[in-house]
Protein backbone atom coordinates (compact mmCIF):
# COMPACT_ATOMS: atom_id res chain seq x y z
CA MET A 1 -0.66 6.62 27.49
CA PRO A 2 -2.35 7.38 24.12
CA ARG A 3 -1.56 4.99 21.27
CA GLY A 4 0.13 7.72 19.19
CA ALA A 5 2.37 8.79 22.06
CA GLU A 6 3.28 5.17 22.78
CA ARG A 7 4.23 4.64 19.14
CA VAL A 8 6.41 7.76 19.13
CA ARG A 9 8.08 6.60 22.33
CA GLN A 10 8.87 3.21 20.82
CA ARG A 11 10.31 4.79 17.68
CA LEU A 12 12.51 7.11 19.74
CA SER A 13 13.76 4.22 21.86
CA LEU A 14 14.66 2.22 18.73
CA THR A 15 16.48 5.23 17.29
CA GLY A 16 18.31 5.71 20.59
CA VAL A 17 19.49 2.09 20.59
CA ILE A 18 20.82 2.41 17.04
CA ILE A 19 22.63 5.67 17.83
CA ALA A 20 24.11 4.26 21.05
CA LEU A 21 25.39 1.16 19.28
CA SER A 22 26.82 3.21 16.44
CA VAL A 23 28.63 5.65 18.73
CA GLY A 24 29.76 2.89 21.10
CA VAL A 25 31.43 0.99 18.27
CA ILE A 26 32.47 3.64 15.78
CA LEU A 27 34.00 6.17 18.21
CA PRO A 28 36.55 3.77 19.77
CA VAL A 29 37.35 2.40 16.33
CA ILE A 30 38.01 5.89 14.95
CA LEU A 31 40.34 6.62 17.87
CA ALA A 32 42.21 3.34 17.35
CA SER A 33 42.40 4.05 13.63
CA SER A 34 43.94 7.44 14.37
CA VAL A 35 46.58 5.75 16.51
CA GLY A 36 47.36 3.33 13.67
CA ILE A 37 47.68 6.16 11.15
CA VAL A 38 49.99 8.09 13.48
CA ALA A 39 52.10 4.95 13.98
CA LEU A 40 52.42 4.53 10.22
CA ALA A 41 53.31 8.18 9.72
CA MET A 42 55.85 8.48 12.52
CA GLY A 43 57.11 4.92 12.88
CA GLU A 44 60.76 4.37 12.10
CA SER A 45 61.14 0.69 12.97
CA SER A 46 59.55 -2.24 11.15
CA THR A 47 57.74 -3.27 14.34
CA THR A 48 56.01 0.09 14.61
CA MET A 49 55.07 -0.06 10.92
CA VAL A 50 53.56 -3.56 11.32
CA ILE A 51 51.61 -2.44 14.38
CA GLY A 52 50.33 0.59 12.47
CA ILE A 53 49.26 -1.53 9.48
CA LEU A 54 47.53 -4.12 11.67
CA THR A 55 45.77 -1.46 13.72
CA THR A 56 44.57 0.39 10.64
CA SER A 57 43.38 -2.83 8.97
CA PHE A 58 41.53 -3.94 12.10
CA THR A 59 39.85 -0.59 12.62
CA THR A 60 38.83 -0.36 8.94
CA SER A 61 37.20 -3.78 9.15
CA ALA A 62 35.50 -2.82 12.41
CA ILE A 63 34.10 0.35 10.86
CA GLY A 64 32.72 -1.65 7.94
CA GLY A 65 31.14 -4.14 10.34
CA ALA A 66 29.65 -1.35 12.44
CA VAL A 67 28.12 0.26 9.36
CA VAL A 68 26.61 -3.06 8.26
CA VAL A 69 25.18 -3.71 11.74
CA THR A 70 23.74 -0.20 11.89
CA VAL A 71 22.07 -0.60 8.48
CA LEU A 72 20.63 -3.99 9.44
CA LEU A 73 19.33 -2.67 12.76
CA GLY A 74 17.77 0.32 11.02
CA ARG A 75 16.08 -1.93 8.47
CA ARG A 76 14.82 -4.24 11.19
CA ALA A 77 13.46 -1.27 13.15
CA ARG A 78 11.66 0.02 10.04
CA LEU A 79 10.13 -3.40 9.37
CA ALA A 80 8.99 -3.62 12.99
CA ARG A 81 7.35 -0.19 12.72
CA MET A 82 5.66 -1.15 9.45
CA GLN A 83 4.33 -4.35 10.99
CA ALA A 84 3.05 -2.50 14.06
CA ASP A 85 1.39 0.15 11.87
CA LEU A 86 -0.23 -2.52 9.70
CA LEU A 87 -1.67 -4.33 12.70
CA ALA A 88 -2.92 -1.07 14.23
CA ASN A 89 -4.49 0.11 10.98
CA MET A 90 -6.08 -3.28 10.28
CA SER A 91 -7.53 -3.43 13.78
CA HIS A 92 -8.95 0.07 13.41
CA GLU A 93 -10.35 -0.59 9.94
CA LEU A 94 -11.93 -3.92 10.88
CA ARG A 95 -13.57 -2.53 13.99
CA THR A 96 -16.09 -0.37 12.10
CA PRO A 97 -17.74 -3.06 9.94
CA VAL A 98 -17.61 -5.64 12.74
CA SER A 99 -19.37 -3.23 15.12
CA SER A 100 -22.04 -2.46 12.51
CA ILE A 101 -22.65 -6.12 11.77
CA ARG A 102 -22.96 -6.94 15.48
CA MET A 103 -25.35 -4.05 16.15
CA TYR A 104 -27.72 -4.81 13.28
CA ALA A 105 -27.57 -8.57 13.88
CA GLN A 106 -28.47 -8.07 17.55
CA THR A 107 -31.32 -5.78 16.55
CA LEU A 108 -32.73 -8.49 14.29
CA GLN A 109 -32.10 -11.20 16.89
CA MET A 110 -34.08 -9.34 19.55
CA GLY A 111 -37.03 -9.03 17.19
CA LEU A 112 -37.23 -5.26 17.57
CA LEU A 113 -38.05 -4.89 13.88
CA ALA A 114 -40.34 -7.89 13.53
CA ASP A 115 -43.27 -5.65 12.61
CA ASP A 116 -41.23 -3.41 10.31
CA PRO A 117 -40.20 -5.34 7.15
CA ALA A 118 -38.69 -2.26 5.52
CA ARG A 119 -36.27 -1.57 8.36
CA SER A 120 -35.50 -5.27 8.68
CA ALA A 121 -34.54 -5.33 5.01
CA GLU A 122 -32.39 -2.23 5.59
CA CYS A 123 -30.58 -3.98 8.47
CA ILE A 124 -29.92 -7.04 6.32
CA ALA A 125 -28.65 -4.84 3.47
CA THR A 126 -26.27 -3.09 5.87
CA ILE A 127 -24.95 -6.38 7.20
CA LEU A 128 -24.31 -7.62 3.66
CA ARG A 129 -22.65 -4.32 2.72
CA GLU A 130 -20.32 -4.37 5.71
CA THR A 131 -19.50 -8.00 4.98
CA GLU A 132 -18.35 -6.93 1.51
CA TRP A 133 -16.01 -4.38 3.12
CA LEU A 134 -14.60 -7.05 5.42
CA GLU A 135 -14.03 -9.35 2.45
CA SER A 136 -12.21 -6.62 0.52
CA MET A 137 -9.91 -5.89 3.49
CA ILE A 138 -9.03 -9.55 3.94
CA ASP A 139 -8.47 -9.96 0.20
CA ARG A 140 -6.02 -7.03 0.18
CA VAL A 141 -3.92 -8.52 2.97
CA LEU A 142 -3.94 -12.01 1.43
CA THR A 143 -3.10 -10.61 -2.02
CA TRP A 144 -0.15 -8.67 -0.65
CA ARG A 145 1.04 -11.67 1.35
CA GLY A 146 0.97 -13.79 -1.79
CA ALA A 147 2.73 -11.06 -3.79
CA ALA A 148 5.47 -10.67 -1.19
CA LYS A 149 6.20 -14.39 -1.33
CA ASP A 150 5.88 -14.65 -5.13
CA ARG A 151 3.03 -17.11 -4.79
CA ASP A 152 0.52 -15.40 -7.01
CA ALA A 153 -0.50 -17.74 -9.82
CA LEU A 154 -2.17 -15.66 -12.51
CA SER A 155 -4.50 -17.27 -15.04
CA PHE A 156 -4.31 -15.19 -18.22
CA GLU A 157 -6.97 -14.98 -20.90
CA ILE A 158 -7.31 -12.71 -23.92
CA THR A 159 -10.54 -10.73 -23.71
CA ALA A 160 -11.78 -7.17 -23.61
CA LEU A 161 -11.81 -5.39 -20.27
CA ALA A 162 -15.54 -4.62 -20.32
CA GLU A 163 -16.69 -7.65 -18.35
CA THR A 164 -13.83 -7.37 -15.86
CA VAL A 165 -14.58 -3.71 -15.17
CA GLU A 166 -18.30 -4.40 -14.86
CA GLU A 167 -17.59 -7.18 -12.35
CA ALA A 168 -15.43 -4.84 -10.25
CA VAL A 169 -18.01 -2.05 -10.39
CA SER A 170 -20.78 -4.47 -9.40
CA HIS A 171 -18.73 -5.64 -6.42
CA PHE A 172 -17.98 -2.05 -5.42
CA MET A 173 -21.63 -1.01 -5.59
CA ARG A 174 -22.52 -3.80 -3.16
CA MET A 175 -20.12 -2.18 -0.69
CA VAL A 176 -21.69 1.29 -0.67
CA LYS A 177 -25.07 2.55 0.34
CA GLU A 178 -27.51 3.28 -2.46
CA GLY A 179 -27.41 6.94 -3.41
CA ASP A 180 -24.12 7.48 -1.56
CA LEU A 181 -22.24 8.52 -4.70
CA THR A 182 -22.49 9.26 -8.39
CA LEU A 183 -20.60 6.68 -10.43
CA ASP A 184 -20.16 7.10 -14.19
CA VAL A 185 -18.71 4.16 -16.14
CA GLN A 186 -17.63 4.68 -19.76
CA VAL A 187 -16.23 1.61 -21.51
CA GLU A 188 -15.12 2.68 -24.98
CA ALA A 189 -12.27 0.22 -25.57
CA ALA A 190 -12.45 -2.37 -28.32
CA GLY A 191 -8.91 -3.71 -27.91
CA LEU A 192 -8.17 -7.08 -26.35
CA VAL A 193 -5.93 -7.47 -23.30
CA ARG A 194 -4.18 -10.56 -22.01
CA HIS A 195 -5.07 -10.41 -18.34
CA ASP A 196 -6.07 -12.31 -15.25
CA ARG A 197 -9.66 -11.28 -14.57
CA ALA A 198 -9.43 -11.65 -10.79
CA ALA A 199 -6.24 -9.55 -10.63
CA ILE A 200 -7.50 -6.73 -12.86
CA CYS A 201 -10.84 -6.81 -11.05
CA SER A 202 -8.84 -6.28 -7.85
CA VAL A 203 -7.01 -3.36 -9.50
CA VAL A 204 -10.28 -1.62 -10.44
CA LEU A 205 -11.84 -2.36 -7.05
CA ASN A 206 -8.86 -0.99 -5.12
CA LEU A 207 -8.86 2.20 -7.21
CA LEU A 208 -12.60 2.63 -6.62
CA ILE A 209 -12.22 2.08 -2.87
CA ASN A 210 -9.36 4.59 -2.77
CA ALA A 211 -11.45 7.16 -4.64
CA TYR A 212 -14.44 6.54 -2.36
CA LYS A 213 -12.43 6.97 0.85
CA TYR A 214 -10.85 10.26 -0.16
CA THR A 215 -13.94 12.07 -1.46
CA GLY A 216 -16.30 14.18 0.57
CA SER A 217 -20.02 13.91 1.13
CA ARG A 218 -20.87 14.61 -2.54
CA LYS A 219 -18.90 11.83 -4.12
CA ARG A 220 -18.39 11.65 -7.90
CA ILE A 221 -16.30 8.91 -9.43
CA THR A 222 -15.74 8.33 -13.13
CA VAL A 223 -14.34 5.14 -14.68
CA VAL A 224 -13.20 5.33 -18.30
CA VAL A 225 -11.78 2.50 -20.41
CA ARG A 226 -10.50 3.48 -23.88
CA ASP A 227 -8.05 2.47 -26.57
CA GLU A 228 -4.95 4.62 -26.93
CA ALA A 229 -2.19 3.69 -29.41
CA ASP A 230 -1.04 0.17 -28.48
CA ASP A 231 -2.60 0.22 -25.02
CA VAL A 232 -5.96 -0.11 -23.35
CA VAL A 233 -6.20 2.70 -20.82
CA LEU A 234 -8.22 2.55 -17.61
CA GLU A 235 -8.83 5.80 -15.75
CA VAL A 236 -10.46 6.28 -12.34
CA ARG A 237 -11.17 9.93 -11.50
CA ASP A 238 -12.69 11.44 -8.38
CA ASN A 239 -13.63 14.82 -6.95
CA GLY A 240 -11.83 14.17 -3.69
CA ILE A 241 -9.40 16.05 -1.50
CA GLY A 242 -6.48 15.45 -3.84
CA ILE A 243 -2.86 14.61 -3.13
CA GLY A 244 0.02 17.03 -2.66
CA PRO A 245 3.16 16.81 -4.82
CA LYS A 246 5.29 15.51 -1.95
CA GLU A 247 2.84 12.69 -1.30
CA LEU A 248 2.22 11.85 -4.95
CA GLY A 249 5.62 10.29 -5.47
CA ARG A 250 5.16 7.80 -2.63
CA ILE A 251 1.53 6.71 -2.76
CA PHE A 252 2.35 3.38 -4.45
CA GLU A 253 4.81 2.38 -1.70
CA PRO A 254 3.63 -0.47 0.54
CA PHE A 255 2.13 0.71 3.85
CA TYR A 256 2.58 4.37 2.92
CA ARG A 257 -0.28 6.67 3.81
CA VAL A 258 -0.70 10.39 3.26
CA ASP A 259 0.04 13.00 5.92
CA ALA A 260 -1.75 12.95 9.24
CA GLY A 261 -4.20 15.72 8.31
CA LEU A 262 -5.59 13.76 5.35
CA ARG A 263 -5.18 10.38 7.03
CA SER A 264 -7.56 11.34 9.83
CA ARG A 265 -10.38 11.48 7.29
CA SER A 266 -10.01 7.85 6.26
CA THR A 267 -8.84 4.51 7.54
CA GLY A 268 -6.70 2.07 5.64
CA THR A 269 -3.68 -0.22 5.64
CA GLY A 270 -1.66 1.49 2.92
CA LEU A 271 -1.74 -1.63 0.74
CA GLY A 272 -4.41 -0.87 -1.86
CA LEU A 273 -2.32 1.21 -4.27
CA ALA A 274 0.76 -0.97 -3.74
CA ILE A 275 -1.32 -3.97 -4.82
CA VAL A 276 -2.54 -2.02 -7.85
CA LYS A 277 1.03 -1.26 -8.92
CA TYR A 278 2.20 -4.83 -8.37
CA GLN A 279 -0.68 -6.43 -10.27
CA VAL A 280 -0.51 -3.98 -13.17
CA GLU A 281 3.23 -4.54 -13.58
CA MET A 282 2.62 -8.31 -13.51
CA HIS A 283 0.57 -7.68 -16.68
CA GLY A 284 3.34 -5.69 -18.33
CA GLY A 285 1.50 -2.42 -17.77
CA SER A 286 2.01 0.78 -15.81
CA VAL A 287 0.04 2.95 -13.41
CA THR A 288 0.41 6.66 -12.79
CA ALA A 289 -1.45 9.29 -10.80
CA LYS A 290 -2.19 12.98 -11.31
CA SER A 291 -3.66 15.09 -8.56
CA GLU A 292 -3.84 18.49 -6.95
CA GLN A 293 -4.97 19.19 -3.43
CA GLY A 294 -8.62 20.16 -3.45
CA SER A 295 -9.09 19.19 -7.12
CA GLY A 296 -9.45 15.43 -7.00
CA SER A 297 -7.24 12.70 -8.44
CA CYS A 298 -6.92 10.66 -11.61
CA PHE A 299 -5.29 7.23 -11.66
CA THR A 300 -4.33 5.90 -15.06
CA VAL A 301 -3.59 2.24 -15.79
CA ARG A 302 -2.09 1.27 -19.15
CA LEU A 303 -2.24 -2.36 -20.29
CA PRO A 304 -0.73 -3.54 -23.61
CA GLN A 305 -3.21 -4.54 -26.27
CA VAL A 306 -2.91 -7.97 -27.83
CA VAL A 307 -2.05 -7.61 -31.49
CA GLU A 308 -3.39 -10.11 -34.03
CA GLN A 309 -0.22 -12.19 -34.38
CA ASP A 310 0.05 -12.53 -30.58
CA GLU A 311 -3.56 -13.68 -30.39
CA GLU A 312 -3.06 -16.24 -33.15
CA SER A 313 0.16 -17.61 -31.64
CA SER A 314 -1.46 -18.02 -28.22
């Protein structure tokens, strides 16, 4: 059975279990509650009234318990689906760089390119590039794991964003093949930002990876850093496939990925933008996105500038 069909089957079975439990508990309770209400309405003796009150109280409590159980089962089913999707997506995303590394390493090991230094250097460059992709995937999962357990320890410093952005761009360029895209970086900000360099570097890197994955063969990405009022603004624009209005409101949700038609063009775990949102908010900032299908996307991060009195007091 294909993986997609198996996943649908599992989801349907989970839904069926929840519905069966709900109906099996709620339906008898509703019937008993009706009996209790009728006993209260038509009862003339104190015994009948007491029975009606007890029956109604019991059935009301049972309905509340059934609703709670149904909600908990639904939440558990959703978490199980999210975990299964994460494992499936991670396995799929890891397979590509691992296969490339193995192929080029075996080529070098067999000495097939011993007399061709240029191609040997190309193989080594590819191995290093794919290793960078592997590292970025592992970092995303570890970052999210730390965020989910509130174990991220940020080390803040007050500096301009120029060096942080340059570090992220340098890392990103090691992950892509030379000439694979046009990247324009414009750092025009003079304001200082209190930030953790590793975290903001991760923000820029995740936005660049997202832009790279959802652009076509002629990739153009622009990074702009500028001062605006009391903020330092970071923008990452691309000429990609864009995001529809229905998808735009959910792209920062953990594990959420765009519809199947767009998803087939790119792999991913659905964590990159969730990590961006989490890390930006940890710095007291905000992140928004503007996009139209077929017209590319623009992600905007706003971080508060450090005013002079804050800098002196720190």
